[in-house]
Each structure stands twice: as structure tokens, then as C-alpha cells.
Amino acid sequence: MPIDLTLPGEPSLVSVRRLLAEGSDRAHSQLRVNEAGIAWLSTSAIGGQALAGLRFRLETWAAGSGCVGPAAAQDDAWVAKIQAVLQSNWPHPRSDYLDIY
């Protein structure tokens, strides 16, 4: 489920947790945010692919890395880290590509 970062209270821990939980750890994934403020996990366009219309993106998470999926969503520190990255970079990202490690 995408997160609309323009809504009051977003991104919340609940919405970030839900977004991560819906991801599959079996596929490479990338968290992307478009110019309209919609954050989503992409598995079809990752890395430097299909960048038109993006405000920013995080590094690509490799399949099997544990960064997405139900287990990742249960990691409170990881969820908080992703929330903080979204909060601090919307609407003015420090870069169009964010490496959070």
C-alpha cells in the first residue's frame, strides 16, 4: 500500500510498517517517492531505471537482504529508520538517491 506523504501525520510508523510488510524479500526492491509525494516499493523499476517523475529513491534492497517483508516490518528500529528518512527528505530531499546505511 503506497503512502501519501502529503497527508497530515504521514509517514506514520503504522503506514511504513504496512508498506514494508507488503514487500517480498524474494525480489529486489526499491522505495521510491514521486513528485506527488507518493511513496511505494518498486520491484519492476529499481536502481537507475525509470527515474522520470521521481523526487527521490533509496538504494535498491537485494532479494534476501531482509529489508522488506513481514520480518522487516517487525523490526521496530528498521521501521523507524525508514520513517525518519521519509520525513526528513519529503518534500525537499538532500539528494535524488539516498543510501541509508
PDB file of N, CA and C in Angstrom:
ATOM      1  N   MET A   1       0.843  -1.179   0.000  1.00  0.00           N
ATOM      2  CA  MET A   1       0.000   0.000   0.000  1.00  0.00           C
ATOM      3  C   MET A   1       0.885   1.239   0.000  1.00  0.00           C
ATOM      4  N   PRO A   2       0.761   2.086  -1.004  1.00  0.00           N
ATOM      5  CA  PRO A   2       1.558   3.312  -1.055  1.00  0.00           C
ATOM      6  C   PRO A   2       1.237   4.240   0.114  1.00  0.00           C
ATOM      7  N   ILE A   3       2.163   5.145   0.401  1.00  0.00           N
ATOM      8  CA  ILE A   3       1.973   6.149   1.446  1.00  0.00           C
ATOM      9  C   ILE A   3       1.922   7.515   0.770  1.00  0.00           C
ATOM     10  N   ASP A   4       0.896   8.283   1.056  1.00  0.00           N
ATOM     11  CA  ASP A   4       0.785   9.649   0.553  1.00  0.00           C
ATOM     12  C   ASP A   4       1.441  10.572   1.572  1.00  0.00           C
ATOM     13  N   LEU A   5       2.645  11.010   1.270  1.00  0.00           N
ATOM     14  CA  LEU A   5       3.411  11.831   2.205  1.00  0.00           C
ATOM     15  C   LEU A   5       2.853  13.234   2.376  1.00  0.00           C
ATOM     16  N   THR A   6       1.893  13.623   1.537  1.00  0.00           N
ATOM     17  CA  THR A   6       1.309  14.954   1.663  1.00  0.00           C
ATOM     18  C   THR A   6       0.197  15.001   2.710  1.00  0.00           C
ATOM     19  N   LEU A   7      -0.227  13.841   3.182  1.00  0.00           N
ATOM     20  CA  LEU A   7      -1.295  13.800   4.189  1.00  0.00           C
ATOM     21  C   LEU A   7      -0.740  14.097   5.580  1.00  0.00           C
ATOM     22  N   PRO A   8      -1.510  14.818   6.398  1.00  0.00           N
ATOM     23  CA  PRO A   8      -1.057  15.080   7.766  1.00  0.00           C
ATOM     24  C   PRO A   8      -0.782  13.772   8.515  1.00  0.00           C
ATOM     25  N   GLY A   9       0.316  13.747   9.250  1.00  0.00           N
ATOM     26  CA  GLY A   9       0.656  12.569  10.038  1.00  0.00           C
ATOM     27  C   GLY A   9       1.401  11.491   9.280  1.00  0.00           C
ATOM     28  N   GLU A  10       1.623  11.699   7.995  1.00  0.00           N
ATOM     29  CA  GLU A  10       2.363  10.715   7.201  1.00  0.00           C
ATOM     30  C   GLU A  10       3.783  11.198   6.944  1.00  0.00           C
ATOM     31  N   PRO A  11       4.717  10.319   6.924  1.00  0.00           N
ATOM     32  CA  PRO A  11       4.594   8.884   7.083  1.00  0.00           C
ATOM     33  C   PRO A  11       4.519   8.503   8.559  1.00  0.00           C
ATOM     34  N   SER A  12       3.592   7.663   8.892  1.00  0.00           N
ATOM     35  CA  SER A  12       3.473   7.173  10.268  1.00  0.00           C
ATOM     36  C   SER A  12       4.218   5.849  10.381  1.00  0.00           C
ATOM     37  N   LEU A  13       4.506   5.468  11.607  1.00  0.00           N
ATOM     38  CA  LEU A  13       5.128   4.155  11.811  1.00  0.00           C
ATOM     39  C   LEU A  13       4.231   3.042  11.295  1.00  0.00           C
ATOM     40  N   VAL A  14       2.928   3.196  11.480  1.00  0.00           N
ATOM     41  CA  VAL A  14       1.969   2.184  11.029  1.00  0.00           C
ATOM     42  C   VAL A  14       2.008   2.040   9.508  1.00  0.00           C
ATOM     43  N   SER A  15       2.000   3.168   8.788  1.00  0.00           N
ATOM     44  CA  SER A  15       1.987   3.085   7.324  1.00  0.00           C
ATOM     45  C   SER A  15       3.315   2.555   6.776  1.00  0.00           C
ATOM     46  N   VAL A  16       4.428   2.933   7.391  1.00  0.00           N
ATOM     47  CA  VAL A  16       5.729   2.418   6.955  1.00  0.00           C
ATOM     48  C   VAL A  16       5.803   0.916   7.222  1.00  0.00           C
ATOM     49  N   ARG A  17       5.340   0.495   8.379  1.00  0.00           N
ATOM     50  CA  ARG A  17       5.343  -0.929   8.722  1.00  0.00           C
ATOM     51  C   ARG A  17       4.502  -1.726   7.709  1.00  0.00           C
ATOM     52  N   ARG A  18       3.341  -1.187   7.352  1.00  0.00           N
ATOM     53  CA  ARG A  18       2.454  -1.843   6.389  1.00  0.00           C
ATOM     54  C   ARG A  18       3.110  -1.923   5.012  1.00  0.00           C
ATOM     55  N   LEU A  19       3.746  -0.836   4.588  1.00  0.00           N
ATOM     56  CA  LEU A  19       4.423  -0.816   3.296  1.00  0.00           C
ATOM     57  C   LEU A  19       5.529  -1.866   3.242  1.00  0.00           C
ATOM     58  N   LEU A  20       6.356  -1.917   4.276  1.00  0.00           N
ATOM     59  CA  LEU A  20       7.441  -2.896   4.312  1.00  0.00           C
ATOM     60  C   LEU A  20       6.898  -4.325   4.352  1.00  0.00           C
ATOM     61  N   ALA A  21       5.836  -4.543   5.116  1.00  0.00           N
ATOM     62  CA  ALA A  21       5.258  -5.883   5.249  1.00  0.00           C
ATOM     63  C   ALA A  21       4.729  -6.410   3.922  1.00  0.00           C
ATOM     64  N   GLU A  22       4.240  -5.517   3.082  1.00  0.00           N
ATOM     65  CA  GLU A  22       3.681  -5.940   1.801  1.00  0.00           C
ATOM     66  C   GLU A  22       4.749  -6.297   0.779  1.00  0.00           C
ATOM     67  N   GLY A  23       5.999  -5.932   1.056  1.00  0.00           N
ATOM     68  CA  GLY A  23       7.085  -6.257   0.140  1.00  0.00           C
ATOM     69  C   GLY A  23       7.454  -7.733   0.236  1.00  0.00           C
ATOM     70  N   SER A  24       8.115  -8.206  -0.811  1.00  0.00           N
ATOM     71  CA  SER A  24       8.583  -9.588  -0.840  1.00  0.00           C
ATOM     72  C   SER A  24      10.098  -9.602  -0.761  1.00  0.00           C
ATOM     73  N   ASP A  25      10.621 -10.351   0.196  1.00  0.00           N
ATOM     74  CA  ASP A  25      12.060 -10.473   0.343  1.00  0.00           C
ATOM     75  C   ASP A  25      12.661 -11.381  -0.733  1.00  0.00           C
ATOM     76  N   ARG A  26      11.828 -11.883  -1.613  1.00  0.00           N
ATOM     77  CA  ARG A  26      12.303 -12.743  -2.706  1.00  0.00           C
ATOM     78  C   ARG A  26      12.667 -11.947  -3.955  1.00  0.00           C
ATOM     79  N   ALA A  27      12.408 -10.650  -3.949  1.00  0.00           N
ATOM     80  CA  ALA A  27      12.673  -9.810  -5.117  1.00  0.00           C
ATOM     81  C   ALA A  27      13.473  -8.582  -4.697  1.00  0.00           C
ATOM     82  N   HIS A  28      14.294  -8.073  -5.609  1.00  0.00           N
ATOM     83  CA  HIS A  28      14.955  -6.798  -5.368  1.00  0.00           C
ATOM     84  C   HIS A  28      13.859  -5.741  -5.253  1.00  0.00           C
ATOM     85  N   SER A  29      14.025  -4.804  -4.321  1.00  0.00           N
ATOM     86  CA  SER A  29      13.017  -3.766  -4.090  1.00  0.00           C
ATOM     87  C   SER A  29      13.688  -2.417  -3.916  1.00  0.00           C
ATOM     88  N   GLN A  30      12.943  -1.380  -4.241  1.00  0.00           N
ATOM     89  CA  GLN A  30      13.434  -0.024  -4.024  1.00  0.00           C
ATOM     90  C   GLN A  30      12.270   0.845  -3.575  1.00  0.00           C
ATOM     91  N   LEU A  31      12.473   1.571  -2.494  1.00  0.00           N
ATOM     92  CA  LEU A  31      11.476   2.522  -2.032  1.00  0.00           C
ATOM     93  C   LEU A  31      11.656   3.790  -2.852  1.00  0.00           C
ATOM     94  N   ARG A  32      10.580   4.214  -3.492  1.00  0.00           N
ATOM     95  CA  ARG A  32      10.602   5.382  -4.372  1.00  0.00           C
ATOM     96  C   ARG A  32       9.539   6.372  -3.940  1.00  0.00           C
ATOM     97  N   VAL A  33       9.800   7.651  -4.187  1.00  0.00           N
ATOM     98  CA  VAL A  33       8.843   8.726  -3.898  1.00  0.00           C
ATOM     99  C   VAL A  33       8.737   9.583  -5.151  1.00  0.00           C
ATOM    100  N   ASN A  34       7.516   9.740  -5.639  1.00  0.00           N
ATOM    101  CA  ASN A  34       7.340  10.546  -6.849  1.00  0.00           C
ATOM    102  C   ASN A  34       7.106  12.016  -6.496  1.00  0.00           C
ATOM    103  N   GLU A  35       6.993  12.836  -7.518  1.00  0.00           N
ATOM    104  CA  GLU A  35       6.825  14.284  -7.340  1.00  0.00           C
ATOM    105  C   GLU A  35       5.528  14.634  -6.609  1.00  0.00           C
ATOM    106  N   ALA A  36       4.544  13.753  -6.652  1.00  0.00           N
ATOM    107  CA  ALA A  36       3.269  13.990  -5.971  1.00  0.00           C
ATOM    108  C   ALA A  36       3.317  13.597  -4.498  1.00  0.00           C
ATOM    109  N   GLY A  37       4.430  13.009  -4.049  1.00  0.00           N
ATOM    110  CA  GLY A  37       4.563  12.624  -2.647  1.00  0.00           C
ATOM    111  C   GLY A  37       4.086  11.227  -2.333  1.00  0.00           C
ATOM    112  N   ILE A  38       3.962  10.390  -3.328  1.00  0.00           N
ATOM    113  CA  ILE A  38       3.534   9.014  -3.113  1.00  0.00           C
ATOM    114  C   ILE A  38       4.780   8.133  -2.978  1.00  0.00           C
ATOM    115  N   ALA A  39       4.876   7.431  -1.848  1.00  0.00           N
ATOM    116  CA  ALA A  39       5.985   6.513  -1.590  1.00  0.00           C
ATOM    117  C   ALA A  39       5.489   5.093  -1.796  1.00  0.00           C
ATOM    118  N   TRP A  40       6.281   4.276  -2.484  1.00  0.00           N
ATOM    119  CA  TRP A  40       5.897   2.893  -2.737  1.00  0.00           C
ATOM    120  C   TRP A  40       7.148   2.043  -2.908  1.00  0.00           C
ATOM    121  N   LEU A  41       6.958   0.735  -2.804  1.00  0.00           N
ATOM    122  CA  LEU A  41       8.028  -0.219  -3.078  1.00  0.00           C
ATOM    123  C   LEU A  41       7.918  -0.653  -4.529  1.00  0.00           C
ATOM    124  N   SER A  42       8.995  -0.494  -5.263  1.00  0.00           N
ATOM    125  CA  SER A  42       9.023  -0.922  -6.656  1.00  0.00           C
ATOM    126  C   SER A  42       9.894  -2.157  -6.788  1.00  0.00           C
ATOM    127  N   THR A  43       9.400  -3.127  -7.534  1.00  0.00           N
ATOM    128  CA  THR A  43      10.203  -4.291  -7.876  1.00  0.00           C
ATOM    129  C   THR A  43      10.444  -4.346  -9.380  1.00  0.00           C
ATOM    130  N   SER A  44       9.650  -3.613 -10.145  1.00  0.00           N
ATOM    131  CA  SER A  44       9.784  -3.643 -11.598  1.00  0.00           C
ATOM    132  C   SER A  44      10.829  -2.639 -12.084  1.00  0.00           C
ATOM    133  N   ALA A  45      10.867  -1.472 -11.481  1.00  0.00           N
ATOM    134  CA  ALA A  45      11.875  -0.464 -11.811  1.00  0.00           C
ATOM    135  C   ALA A  45      12.702  -0.246 -10.552  1.00  0.00           C
ATOM    136  N   ILE A  46      13.974  -0.588 -10.634  1.00  0.00           N
ATOM    137  CA  ILE A  46      14.870  -0.436  -9.494  1.00  0.00           C
ATOM    138  C   ILE A  46      16.165   0.195  -9.975  1.00  0.00           C
ATOM    139  N   GLY A  47      17.035   0.514  -9.041  1.00  0.00           N
ATOM    140  CA  GLY A  47      18.302   1.124  -9.418  1.00  0.00           C
ATOM    141  C   GLY A  47      18.068   2.429 -10.157  1.00  0.00           C
ATOM    142  N   GLY A  48      18.761   2.601 -11.269  1.00  0.00           N
ATOM    143  CA  GLY A  48      18.653   3.821 -12.059  1.00  0.00           C
ATOM    144  C   GLY A  48      17.640   3.737 -13.175  1.00  0.00           C
ATOM    145  N   GLN A  49      16.704   2.802 -13.097  1.00  0.00           N
ATOM    146  CA  GLN A  49      15.688   2.645 -14.137  1.00  0.00           C
ATOM    147  C   GLN A  49      14.489   3.551 -13.887  1.00  0.00           C
ATOM    148  N   ALA A  50      13.892   4.035 -14.947  1.00  0.00           N
ATOM    149  CA  ALA A  50      12.608   4.759 -14.908  1.00  0.00           C
ATOM    150  C   ALA A  50      12.599   5.860 -13.849  1.00  0.00           C
ATOM    151  N   LEU A  51      13.492   6.818 -13.986  1.00  0.00           N
ATOM    152  CA  LEU A  51      13.635   7.872 -12.981  1.00  0.00           C
ATOM    153  C   LEU A  51      12.736   9.088 -13.226  1.00  0.00           C
ATOM    154  N   ALA A  52      12.136   9.189 -14.384  1.00  0.00           N
ATOM    155  CA  ALA A  52      11.277  10.333 -14.683  1.00  0.00           C
ATOM    156  C   ALA A  52      10.130  10.405 -13.677  1.00  0.00           C
ATOM    157  N   GLY A  53       9.907  11.573 -13.133  1.00  0.00           N
ATOM    158  CA  GLY A  53       8.809  11.786 -12.193  1.00  0.00           C
ATOM    159  C   GLY A  53       9.123  11.449 -10.755  1.00  0.00           C
ATOM    160  N   LEU A  54      10.342  11.008 -10.480  1.00  0.00           N
ATOM    161  CA  LEU A  54      10.705  10.688  -9.091  1.00  0.00           C
ATOM    162  C   LEU A  54      11.289  11.906  -8.395  1.00  0.00           C
ATOM    163  N   ARG A  55      10.922  12.080  -7.140  1.00  0.00           N
ATOM    164  CA  ARG A  55      11.545  13.111  -6.304  1.00  0.00           C
ATOM    165  C   ARG A  55      12.818  12.536  -5.691  1.00  0.00           C
ATOM    166  N   PHE A  56      12.712  11.297  -5.146  1.00  0.00           N
ATOM    167  CA  PHE A  56      13.900  10.613  -4.647  1.00  0.00           C
ATOM    168  C   PHE A  56      13.630   9.128  -4.533  1.00  0.00           C
ATOM    169  N   ARG A  57      14.723   8.376  -4.333  1.00  0.00           N
ATOM    170  CA  ARG A  57      14.648   6.925  -4.173  1.00  0.00           C
ATOM    171  C   ARG A  57      15.728   6.504  -3.205  1.00  0.00           C
ATOM    172  N   LEU A  58      15.498   5.378  -2.544  1.00  0.00           N
ATOM    173  CA  LEU A  58      16.511   4.800  -1.672  1.00  0.00           C
ATOM    174  C   LEU A  58      17.303   3.775  -2.465  1.00  0.00           C
ATOM    175  N   GLU A  59      18.382   3.298  -1.874  1.00  0.00           N
ATOM    176  CA  GLU A  59      19.167   2.278  -2.559  1.00  0.00           C
ATOM    177  C   GLU A  59      18.302   1.036  -2.790  1.00  0.00           C
ATOM    178  N   THR A  60      18.680   0.245  -3.761  1.00  0.00           N
ATOM    179  CA  THR A  60      17.957  -0.997  -4.040  1.00  0.00           C
ATOM    180  C   THR A  60      18.294  -2.017  -2.968  1.00  0.00           C
ATOM    181  N   TRP A  61      17.259  -2.638  -2.418  1.00  0.00           N
ATOM    182  CA  TRP A  61      17.441  -3.697  -1.430  1.00  0.00           C
ATOM    183  C   TRP A  61      17.422  -5.029  -2.162  1.00  0.00           C
ATOM    184  N   ALA A  62      18.502  -5.768  -2.044  1.00  0.00           N
ATOM    185  CA  ALA A  62      18.631  -7.045  -2.744  1.00  0.00           C
ATOM    186  C   ALA A  62      17.671  -8.081  -2.174  1.00  0.00           C
ATOM    187  N   ALA A  63      17.222  -8.956  -3.046  1.00  0.00           N
ATOM    188  CA  ALA A  63      16.399 -10.084  -2.606  1.00  0.00           C
ATOM    189  C   ALA A  63      17.163 -10.843  -1.527  1.00  0.00           C
ATOM    190  N   GLY A  64      16.469 -11.218  -0.475  1.00  0.00           N
ATOM    191  CA  GLY A  64      17.075 -11.971   0.606  1.00  0.00           C
ATOM    192  C   GLY A  64      17.811 -11.136   1.634  1.00  0.00           C
ATOM    193  N   SER A  65      17.791  -9.814   1.489  1.00  0.00           N
ATOM    194  CA  SER A  65      18.526  -8.941   2.416  1.00  0.00           C
ATOM    195  C   SER A  65      17.785  -8.697   3.723  1.00  0.00           C
ATOM    196  N   GLY A  66      16.493  -9.017   3.757  1.00  0.00           N
ATOM    197  CA  GLY A  66      15.710  -8.808   4.966  1.00  0.00           C
ATOM    198  C   GLY A  66      15.200  -7.384   5.143  1.00  0.00           C
ATOM    199  N   CYS A  67      15.273  -6.570   4.098  1.00  0.00           N
ATOM    200  CA  CYS A  67      14.854  -5.169   4.203  1.00  0.00           C
ATOM    201  C   CYS A  67      13.364  -4.957   3.983  1.00  0.00           C
ATOM    202  N   VAL A  68      12.701  -5.925   3.360  1.00  0.00           N
ATOM    203  CA  VAL A  68      11.256  -5.848   3.156  1.00  0.00           C
ATOM    204  C   VAL A  68      10.638  -7.190   3.522  1.00  0.00           C
ATOM    205  N   GLY A  69       9.341  -7.194   3.668  1.00  0.00           N
ATOM    206  CA  GLY A  69       8.617  -8.406   4.027  1.00  0.00           C
ATOM    207  C   GLY A  69       8.165  -8.359   5.471  1.00  0.00           C
ATOM    208  N   PRO A  70       7.394  -9.346   5.894  1.00  0.00           N
ATOM    209  CA  PRO A  70       6.839  -9.365   7.247  1.00  0.00           C
ATOM    210  C   PRO A  70       7.897  -9.284   8.357  1.00  0.00           C
ATOM    211  N   ALA A  71       9.017  -9.956   8.186  1.00  0.00           N
ATOM    212  CA  ALA A  71      10.054  -9.909   9.230  1.00  0.00           C
ATOM    213  C   ALA A  71      10.641  -8.511   9.346  1.00  0.00           C
ATOM    214  N   ALA A  72      10.901  -7.853   8.217  1.00  0.00           N
ATOM    215  CA  ALA A  72      11.432  -6.488   8.238  1.00  0.00           C
ATOM    216  C   ALA A  72      10.452  -5.537   8.913  1.00  0.00           C
ATOM    217  N   ALA A  73       9.171  -5.760   8.679  1.00  0.00           N
ATOM    218  CA  ALA A  73       8.142  -4.896   9.261  1.00  0.00           C
ATOM    219  C   ALA A  73       8.035  -5.054  10.768  1.00  0.00           C
ATOM    220  N   GLN A  74       8.544  -6.128  11.313  1.00  0.00           N
ATOM    221  CA  GLN A  74       8.517  -6.339  12.765  1.00  0.00           C
ATOM    222  C   GLN A  74       9.739  -5.752  13.467  1.00  0.00           C
ATOM    223  N   ASP A  75      10.709  -5.295  12.705  1.00  0.00           N
ATOM    224  CA  ASP A  75      11.925  -4.702  13.255  1.00  0.00           C
ATOM    225  C   ASP A  75      11.664  -3.217  13.526  1.00  0.00           C
ATOM    226  N   ASP A  76      11.373  -2.889  14.784  1.00  0.00           N
ATOM    227  CA  ASP A  76      10.991  -1.520  15.146  1.00  0.00           C
ATOM    228  C   ASP A  76      12.048  -0.492  14.763  1.00  0.00           C
ATOM    229  N   ALA A  77      13.316  -0.828  14.956  1.00  0.00           N
ATOM    230  CA  ALA A  77      14.387   0.117  14.627  1.00  0.00           C
ATOM    231  C   ALA A  77      14.442   0.378  13.121  1.00  0.00           C
ATOM    232  N   TRP A  78      14.268  -0.659  12.312  1.00  0.00           N
ATOM    233  CA  TRP A  78      14.282  -0.520  10.862  1.00  0.00           C
ATOM    234  C   TRP A  78      13.099   0.315  10.377  1.00  0.00           C
ATOM    235  N   VAL A  79      11.926   0.038  10.908  1.00  0.00           N
ATOM    236  CA  VAL A  79      10.729   0.800  10.533  1.00  0.00           C
ATOM    237  C   VAL A  79      10.919   2.275  10.886  1.00  0.00           C
ATOM    238  N   ALA A  80      11.435   2.547  12.069  1.00  0.00           N
ATOM    239  CA  ALA A  80      11.666   3.932  12.497  1.00  0.00           C
ATOM    240  C   ALA A  80      12.703   4.617  11.610  1.00  0.00           C
ATOM    241  N   LYS A  81      13.716   3.880  11.182  1.00  0.00           N
ATOM    242  CA  LYS A  81      14.746   4.443  10.318  1.00  0.00           C
ATOM    243  C   LYS A  81      14.152   4.844   8.968  1.00  0.00           C
ATOM    244  N   ILE A  82      13.327   3.981   8.400  1.00  0.00           N
ATOM    245  CA  ILE A  82      12.691   4.299   7.114  1.00  0.00           C
ATOM    246  C   ILE A  82      11.737   5.480   7.269  1.00  0.00           C
ATOM    247  N   GLN A  83      10.977   5.502   8.349  1.00  0.00           N
ATOM    248  CA  GLN A  83      10.083   6.636   8.603  1.00  0.00           C
ATOM    249  C   GLN A  83      10.882   7.932   8.684  1.00  0.00           C
ATOM    250  N   ALA A  84      11.990   7.917   9.402  1.00  0.00           N
ATOM    251  CA  ALA A  84      12.810   9.110   9.567  1.00  0.00           C
ATOM    252  C   ALA A  84      13.381   9.595   8.233  1.00  0.00           C
ATOM    253  N   VAL A  85      13.796   8.659   7.388  1.00  0.00           N
ATOM    254  CA  VAL A  85      14.321   9.029   6.070  1.00  0.00           C
ATOM    255  C   VAL A  85      13.226   9.690   5.238  1.00  0.00           C
ATOM    256  N   LEU A  86      12.041   9.128   5.254  1.00  0.00           N
ATOM    257  CA  LEU A  86      10.937   9.723   4.508  1.00  0.00           C
ATOM    258  C   LEU A  86      10.587  11.105   5.052  1.00  0.00           C
ATOM    259  N   GLN A  87      10.481  11.224   6.365  1.00  0.00           N
ATOM    260  CA  GLN A  87      10.129  12.504   6.984  1.00  0.00           C
ATOM    261  C   GLN A  87      11.160  13.585   6.687  1.00  0.00           C
ATOM    262  N   SER A  88      12.417  13.232   6.782  1.00  0.00           N
ATOM    263  CA  SER A  88      13.459  14.249   6.625  1.00  0.00           C
ATOM    264  C   SER A  88      13.753  14.612   5.174  1.00  0.00           C
ATOM    265  N   ASN A  89      13.240  13.837   4.241  1.00  0.00           N
ATOM    266  CA  ASN A  89      13.526  14.112   2.837  1.00  0.00           C
ATOM    267  C   ASN A  89      12.317  14.531   2.010  1.00  0.00           C
ATOM    268  N   TRP A  90      11.142  14.496   2.595  1.00  0.00           N
ATOM    269  CA  TRP A  90       9.961  14.999   1.883  1.00  0.00           C
ATOM    270  C   TRP A  90       9.579  16.341   2.483  1.00  0.00           C
ATOM    271  N   PRO A  91       9.373  17.363   1.692  1.00  0.00           N
ATOM    272  CA  PRO A  91       9.362  17.417   0.239  1.00  0.00           C
ATOM    273  C   PRO A  91      10.702  17.839  -0.387  1.00  0.00           C
ATOM    274  N   HIS A  92      11.713  18.093   0.441  1.00  0.00           N
ATOM    275  CA  HIS A  92      12.996  18.575  -0.078  1.00  0.00           C
ATOM    276  C   HIS A  92      14.100  17.575   0.239  1.00  0.00           C
ATOM    277  N   PRO A  93      14.312  16.601  -0.640  1.00  0.00           N
ATOM    278  CA  PRO A  93      15.333  15.586  -0.380  1.00  0.00           C
ATOM    279  C   PRO A  93      16.741  16.174  -0.456  1.00  0.00           C
ATOM    280  N   ARG A  94      17.628  15.606   0.342  1.00  0.00           N
ATOM    281  CA  ARG A  94      19.023  16.061   0.286  1.00  0.00           C
ATOM    282  C   ARG A  94      19.698  15.589  -0.992  1.00  0.00           C
ATOM    283  N   SER A  95      19.105  14.585  -1.637  1.00  0.00           N
ATOM    284  CA  SER A  95      19.613  14.045  -2.898  1.00  0.00           C
ATOM    285  C   SER A  95      18.472  13.274  -3.553  1.00  0.00           C
ATOM    286  N   ASP A  96      18.606  13.013  -4.845  1.00  0.00           N
ATOM    287  CA  ASP A  96      17.577  12.203  -5.506  1.00  0.00           C
ATOM    288  C   ASP A  96      17.819  10.713  -5.289  1.00  0.00           C
ATOM    289  N   TYR A  97      18.985  10.377  -4.706  1.00  0.00           N
ATOM    290  CA  TYR A  97      19.326   8.990  -4.371  1.00  0.00           C
ATOM    291  C   TYR A  97      19.848   8.971  -2.943  1.00  0.00           C
ATOM    292  N   LEU A  98      19.219   8.171  -2.095  1.00  0.00           N
ATOM    293  CA  LEU A  98      19.594   8.130  -0.679  1.00  0.00           C
ATOM    294  C   LEU A  98      20.086   6.745  -0.283  1.00  0.00           C
ATOM    295  N   ASP A  99      21.305   6.706   0.198  1.00  0.00           N
ATOM    296  CA  ASP A  99      21.894   5.487   0.733  1.00  0.00           C
ATOM    297  C   ASP A  99      21.771   5.601   2.250  1.00  0.00           C
ATOM    298  N   ILE A 100      20.941   4.789   2.861  1.00  0.00           N
ATOM    299  CA  ILE A 100      20.650   4.965   4.284  1.00  0.00           C
ATOM    300  C   ILE A 100      21.513   4.134   5.205  1.00  0.00           C
ATOM    301  N   TYR A 101      22.422   3.369   4.681  1.00  0.00           N
ATOM    302  CA  TYR A 101      23.287   2.561   5.560  1.00  0.00           C
ATOM    303  C   TYR A 101      24.475   3.357   6.009  1.00  0.00           C
TER     304      TYR A 101
END
